[in-house]
C-alpha atoms as a PDB file:
ATOM      1  CA  MET A   1    -104.368-157.267-182.622  1.00  0.00           C
ATOM      2  CA  ALA A   2    -102.526-158.748-179.652  1.00  0.00           C
ATOM      3  CA  GLU A   3     -99.477-159.373-181.869  1.00  0.00           C
ATOM      4  CA  ALA A   4     -99.500-155.769-183.130  1.00  0.00           C
ATOM      5  CA  GLU A   5     -99.839-154.476-179.568  1.00  0.00           C
ATOM      6  CA  ALA A   6     -96.919-156.643-178.448  1.00  0.00           C
ATOM      7  CA  GLN A   7     -94.743-155.607-181.400  1.00  0.00           C
ATOM      8  CA  PHE A   8     -95.239-151.896-180.688  1.00  0.00           C
ATOM      9  CA  GLY A   9     -95.470-152.087-176.904  1.00  0.00           C
ATOM     10  CA  VAL A  10     -98.924-150.533-176.687  1.00  0.00           C
ATOM     11  CA  ALA A  11    -102.344-151.545-175.426  1.00  0.00           C
ATOM     12  CA  LEU A  12    -105.251-150.421-177.578  1.00  0.00           C
ATOM     13  CA  PRO A  13    -108.381-149.298-175.741  1.00  0.00           C
ATOM     14  CA  ASP A  14    -111.084-151.977-175.545  1.00  0.00           C
ATOM     15  CA  GLU A  15    -113.491-149.846-177.582  1.00  0.00           C
ATOM     16  CA  TYR A  16    -110.927-149.439-180.361  1.00  0.00           C
ATOM     17  CA  ARG A  17    -110.142-153.172-180.382  1.00  0.00           C
ATOM     18  CA  THR A  18    -113.865-153.838-180.807  1.00  0.00           C
ATOM     19  CA  PHE A  19    -114.053-151.274-183.598  1.00  0.00           C
ATOM     20  CA  LEU A  20    -111.151-152.909-185.441  1.00  0.00           C
ATOM     21  CA  ALA A  21    -112.569-156.413-185.003  1.00  0.00           C
ATOM     22  CA  GLU A  22    -116.190-155.669-185.848  1.00  0.00           C
ATOM     23  CA  VAL A  23    -116.218-152.616-188.109  1.00  0.00           C
ATOM     24  CA  GLY A  24    -112.734-152.138-189.485  1.00  0.00           C
ATOM     25  CA  ALA A  25    -112.308-155.785-190.488  1.00  0.00           C
ATOM     26  CA  GLY A  26    -113.040-155.000-194.107  1.00  0.00           C
ATOM     27  CA  GLY A  27    -115.542-152.301-193.379  1.00  0.00           C
ATOM     28  CA  PRO A  28    -118.506-151.066-195.373  1.00  0.00           C
ATOM     29  CA  GLY A  29    -117.784-148.945-198.374  1.00  0.00           C
ATOM     30  CA  PRO A  30    -117.108-147.460-200.699  1.00  0.00           C
ATOM     31  CA  ALA A  31    -117.361-143.943-199.249  1.00  0.00           C
ATOM     32  CA  LEU A  32    -116.115-144.789-195.755  1.00  0.00           C
ATOM     33  CA  GLU A  33    -112.901-146.479-196.874  1.00  0.00           C
ATOM     34  CA  LEU A  34    -112.411-148.253-193.552  1.00  0.00           C
ATOM     35  CA  THR A  35    -109.142-150.092-193.250  1.00  0.00           C
ATOM     36  CA  SER A  36    -108.126-153.433-191.830  1.00  0.00           C
ATOM     37  CA  LEU A  37    -105.171-153.959-189.511  1.00  0.00           C
ATOM     38  CA  ARG A  38    -103.063-156.695-191.139  1.00  0.00           C
ATOM     39  CA  GLU A  39     -99.575-158.121-190.882  1.00  0.00           C
ATOM     40  CA  ILE A  40     -97.697-157.869-194.175  1.00  0.00           C
ATOM     41  CA  ASP A  41     -94.168-159.257-194.488  1.00  0.00           C
ATOM     42  CA  GLY A  42     -93.705-159.152-190.714  1.00  0.00           C
ATOM     43  CA  ARG A  43     -94.902-155.551-190.301  1.00  0.00           C
ATOM     44  CA  TRP A  44     -98.312-154.316-189.203  1.00  0.00           C
ATOM     45  CA  GLY A  45    -100.228-151.788-191.255  1.00  0.00           C
ATOM     46  CA  TRP A  46    -103.561-150.542-192.472  1.00  0.00           C
ATOM     47  CA  VAL A  47    -104.888-152.077-195.691  1.00  0.00           C
ATOM     48  CA  TRP A  48    -107.627-150.624-197.891  1.00  0.00           C
ATOM     49  CA  GLU A  49    -110.012-152.940-199.722  1.00  0.00           C
ATOM     50  CA  ASN A  50    -107.742-155.962-199.149  1.00  0.00           C
ATOM     51  CA  ASP A  51    -105.009-154.270-201.221  1.00  0.00           C
ATOM     52  CA  GLU A  52    -101.800-155.549-199.651  1.00  0.00           C
ATOM     53  CA  ASP A  53     -99.687-153.937-202.385  1.00  0.00           C
ATOM     54  CA  TYR A  54    -100.205-150.460-200.881  1.00  0.00           C
ATOM     55  CA  PRO A  55    -100.475-150.739-197.105  1.00  0.00           C
ATOM     56  CA  TRP A  56     -99.944-147.877-194.684  1.00  0.00           C
ATOM     57  CA  LEU A  57     -97.390-149.538-192.432  1.00  0.00           C
ATOM     58  CA  LEU A  58     -97.333-148.490-188.806  1.00  0.00           C
ATOM     59  CA  ASP A  59     -94.383-146.291-187.911  1.00  0.00           C
ATOM     60  CA  PRO A  60     -93.905-145.825-184.172  1.00  0.00           C
ATOM     61  CA  SER A  61     -90.517-144.143-184.687  1.00  0.00           C
ATOM     62  CA  GLY A  62     -91.711-140.757-183.585  1.00  0.00           C
ATOM     63  CA  PRO A  63     -94.624-138.697-182.366  1.00  0.00           C
ATOM     64  CA  PHE A  64     -97.678-137.958-184.444  1.00  0.00           C
ATOM     65  CA  VAL A  65     -96.458-135.377-186.943  1.00  0.00           C
ATOM     66  CA  GLU A  66     -99.624-133.674-188.103  1.00  0.00           C
ATOM     67  CA  THR A  67     -99.504-130.893-185.554  1.00  0.00           C
ATOM     68  CA  GLU A  68     -99.062-127.143-185.849  1.00  0.00           C
ATOM     69  CA  ASP A  69     -95.407-127.817-186.739  1.00  0.00           C
ATOM     70  CA  TRP A  70     -96.310-130.194-189.579  1.00  0.00           C
ATOM     71  CA  ALA A  71     -95.565-127.653-192.334  1.00  0.00           C
ATOM     72  CA  ALA A  72     -92.139-126.875-190.856  1.00  0.00           C
ATOM     73  CA  GLU A  73     -91.339-130.602-190.723  1.00  0.00           C
ATOM     74  CA  GLN A  74     -92.383-130.995-194.359  1.00  0.00           C
ATOM     75  CA  ILE A  75     -90.125-128.108-195.381  1.00  0.00           C
ATOM     76  CA  ALA A  76     -87.215-129.666-193.481  1.00  0.00           C
ATOM     77  CA  THR A  77     -87.765-133.033-195.203  1.00  0.00           C
ATOM     78  CA  LEU A  78     -87.913-131.411-198.635  1.00  0.00           C
ATOM     79  CA  ARG A  79     -84.802-129.321-198.040  1.00  0.00           C
ATOM     80  CA  ALA A  80     -82.924-132.383-196.749  1.00  0.00           C
ATOM     81  CA  ALA A  81     -83.790-134.026-200.086  1.00  0.00           C
ATOM     82  CA  GLY A  82     -82.291-131.028-201.912  1.00  0.00           C
ATOM     83  CA  HIS A  83     -85.628-129.517-202.941  1.00  0.00           C
ATOM     84  CA  GLU A  84     -86.772-125.992-202.075  1.00  0.00           C
ATOM     85  CA  PRO A  85     -90.530-126.038-201.319  1.00  0.00           C
ATOM     86  CA  THR A  86     -92.693-123.873-203.536  1.00  0.00           C
ATOM     87  CA  PHE A  87     -96.348-123.742-202.495  1.00  0.00           C
ATOM     88  CA  ARG A  88     -98.316-125.099-199.548  1.00  0.00           C
ATOM     89  CA  ASP A  89    -101.682-126.239-200.856  1.00  0.00           C
ATOM     90  CA  GLU A  90    -104.443-126.021-198.217  1.00  0.00           C
ATOM     91  CA  ASP A  91    -105.654-129.567-198.852  1.00  0.00           C
ATOM     92  CA  ASP A  92    -102.442-131.434-199.618  1.00  0.00           C
ATOM     93  CA  ASP A  93     -99.779-129.300-197.951  1.00  0.00           C
ATOM     94  CA  TYR A  94     -96.597-129.855-199.983  1.00  0.00           C
ATOM     95  CA  LEU A  95     -97.662-132.998-201.865  1.00  0.00           C
ATOM     96  CA  ASP A  96     -96.662-131.589-205.277  1.00  0.00           C
ATOM     97  CA  ASP A  97     -93.236-130.708-203.887  1.00  0.00           C
ATOM     98  CA  TYR A  98     -92.855-134.238-202.491  1.00  0.00           C
ATOM     99  CA  ARG A  99     -93.623-135.587-205.953  1.00  0.00           C
ATOM    100  CA  LYS A 100     -90.925-133.372-207.459  1.00  0.00           C
ATOM    101  CA  ALA A 101     -88.369-134.168-204.731  1.00  0.00           C
ATOM    102  CA  PHE A 102     -88.977-137.919-204.477  1.00  0.00           C
ATOM    103  CA  GLY A 103     -90.330-138.826-207.919  1.00  0.00           C
ATOM    104  CA  ASP A 104     -92.457-141.969-208.001  1.00  0.00           C
ATOM    105  CA  ALA A 105     -91.979-142.379-204.235  1.00  0.00           C
ATOM    106  CA  GLY A 106     -93.343-138.878-203.523  1.00  0.00           C
ATOM    107  CA  ASP A 107     -96.907-139.860-202.665  1.00  0.00           C
ATOM    108  CA  GLY A 108     -95.794-142.747-200.478  1.00  0.00           C
ATOM    109  CA  THR A 109     -93.190-140.650-198.666  1.00  0.00           C
ATOM    110  CA  TRP A 110     -95.721-137.880-198.024  1.00  0.00           C
ATOM    111  CA  HIS A 111     -98.365-140.311-196.706  1.00  0.00           C
ATOM    112  CA  LEU A 112     -95.926-142.251-194.523  1.00  0.00           C
ATOM    113  CA  GLU A 113     -94.569-139.082-192.931  1.00  0.00           C
ATOM    114  CA  ARG A 114     -98.044-137.725-192.404  1.00  0.00           C
ATOM    115  CA  GLY A 115     -99.146-140.945-190.752  1.00  0.00           C
ATOM    116  CA  ARG A 116     -96.198-141.386-188.372  1.00  0.00           C
ATOM    117  CA  GLY A 117     -97.521-141.902-184.871  1.00  0.00           C
ATOM    118  CA  ALA A 118    -101.133-142.129-186.095  1.00  0.00           C
ATOM    119  CA  ILE A 119    -103.663-144.897-185.845  1.00  0.00           C
ATOM    120  CA  HIS A 120    -105.693-144.645-189.021  1.00  0.00           C
ATOM    121  CA  SER A 121    -109.317-145.649-188.584  1.00  0.00           C
ATOM    122  CA  ALA A 122    -111.374-144.211-191.437  1.00  0.00           C
ATOM    123  CA  THR A 123    -111.809-141.446-193.945  1.00  0.00           C
ATOM    124  CA  THR A 124    -114.855-140.181-195.721  1.00  0.00           C
ATOM    125  CA  ASP A 125    -115.297-138.674-199.136  1.00  0.00           C
ATOM    126  CA  ALA A 126    -118.700-137.229-198.292  1.00  0.00           C
ATOM    127  CA  GLU A 127    -119.468-133.908-199.913  1.00  0.00           C
END
């Protein structure tokens, strides 16, 4: 964690460091899907279930994007890729449009943009 903090010039709160070390270091599952902070090929990212093939790499290049302006930013990204957005799904925003605009890289592009500036800790699939 100290290396990740140094690389990105941040200091994580003590409580969050403890969470990452004690809970997020593999985490219970399967419904909680807690991630581990790991270094992969010189970059830090979140890894699910020890799956280093599909990490969510940290991107400190900008502010957290999932704000009220998130839909406008998605539209701008799609238009810059030469694709006119069609439908904003309530759950996935423009994920289908990202798939059409970016092909096989659509899901990854959508997730990476959505996660910019975020520290991912956990999700839940509870119904």
